[in-house]
Amino acid sequence: MLWFLIVVLGLVSIALAAVCVLAAASGANESENELARIEPEVRRAERRLHDVARDSFAAMLEEARTHERASK
C-alpha cells in the first residue's frame, strides 16, 4: 500500500511538473506574440518621427533662406 502511494505521488508530481513546463512555454509564446505585435508599431512610430523631423527641418531651412533673401 505504501508503494502504491509513493508511485501515485510520483506520477502526480511528474504531471504537475509537465503542467508547469507547458504553462511556462505558453507564457513565453504569448510574450513573443506581444513583441511581434509591438515591433511593427515601433517601426511605424519611428518612421513618422523621422518624417516629422525631416519636414520640420526642411521648413526651417526654407524659412531661413526666405529671410536671407529678404535681407539682401
Protein backbone atom coordinates (compact mmCIF):
# COMPACT_ATOMS: atom_id res chain seq x y z
CA MET A 1 0.00 0.00 0.00
CA LEU A 2 2.84 2.37 0.83
CA TRP A 3 4.47 1.66 -2.55
CA PHE A 4 1.21 2.44 -4.30
CA LEU A 5 1.02 5.85 -2.57
CA ILE A 6 4.65 6.58 -3.46
CA VAL A 7 4.05 5.71 -7.12
CA VAL A 8 0.85 7.80 -7.26
CA LEU A 9 2.62 10.72 -5.60
CA GLY A 10 5.48 10.39 -8.12
CA LEU A 11 3.06 10.37 -11.06
CA VAL A 12 1.20 13.38 -9.70
CA SER A 13 4.44 15.31 -9.24
CA ILE A 14 5.54 14.45 -12.80
CA ALA A 15 2.16 15.58 -14.15
CA LEU A 16 2.39 18.81 -12.14
CA ALA A 17 5.88 19.45 -13.48
CA ALA A 18 4.64 18.89 -17.04
CA VAL A 19 1.78 21.36 -16.50
CA CYS A 20 4.25 23.93 -15.15
CA VAL A 21 6.51 23.48 -18.16
CA LEU A 22 3.59 23.86 -20.56
CA ALA A 23 2.35 26.95 -18.74
CA ALA A 24 5.82 28.50 -18.90
CA ALA A 25 6.07 27.72 -22.62
CA SER A 26 2.64 29.24 -23.19
CA GLY A 27 3.67 32.36 -21.31
CA ALA A 28 6.82 32.66 -23.37
CA ASN A 29 4.79 32.22 -26.56
CA GLU A 30 2.39 34.97 -25.51
CA SER A 31 5.35 37.19 -24.75
CA GLU A 32 6.83 36.52 -28.20
CA ASN A 33 3.46 37.24 -29.82
CA GLU A 34 3.23 40.53 -27.95
CA LEU A 35 6.73 41.50 -29.08
CA ALA A 36 5.90 40.54 -32.66
CA ARG A 37 2.81 42.76 -32.48
CA ILE A 38 4.67 45.71 -30.97
CA GLU A 39 7.65 45.62 -33.35
CA PRO A 40 5.78 46.94 -36.44
CA GLU A 41 4.12 49.63 -34.33
CA VAL A 42 7.52 50.81 -33.14
CA ARG A 43 8.80 50.89 -36.72
CA ARG A 44 5.79 52.94 -37.85
CA ALA A 45 6.24 55.38 -34.96
CA GLU A 46 9.95 55.76 -35.74
CA ARG A 47 9.15 56.36 -39.39
CA ARG A 48 6.55 59.01 -38.55
CA LEU A 49 9.02 60.70 -36.19
CA HIS A 50 11.65 60.68 -38.92
CA ASP A 51 9.17 62.17 -41.40
CA VAL A 52 8.14 64.91 -38.98
CA ALA A 53 11.77 65.78 -38.24
CA ARG A 54 12.62 65.83 -41.94
CA ASP A 55 9.64 68.04 -42.80
CA SER A 56 10.35 70.38 -39.88
CA PHE A 57 13.99 70.71 -40.87
CA ALA A 58 13.02 71.41 -44.47
CA ALA A 59 10.55 74.08 -43.30
CA MET A 60 13.17 75.73 -41.06
CA LEU A 61 15.70 75.69 -43.87
CA GLU A 62 13.22 77.26 -46.28
CA GLU A 63 12.31 79.90 -43.70
CA ALA A 64 16.00 80.74 -43.18
CA ARG A 65 16.54 81.02 -46.93
CA THR A 66 13.49 83.27 -47.25
CA HIS A 67 14.81 85.62 -44.52
CA GLU A 68 18.26 85.54 -46.12
CA ARG A 69 16.83 86.62 -49.50
CA ALA A 70 14.73 89.33 -47.88
CA SER A 71 17.79 90.74 -46.09
CA LYS A 72 19.76 91.27 -49.32
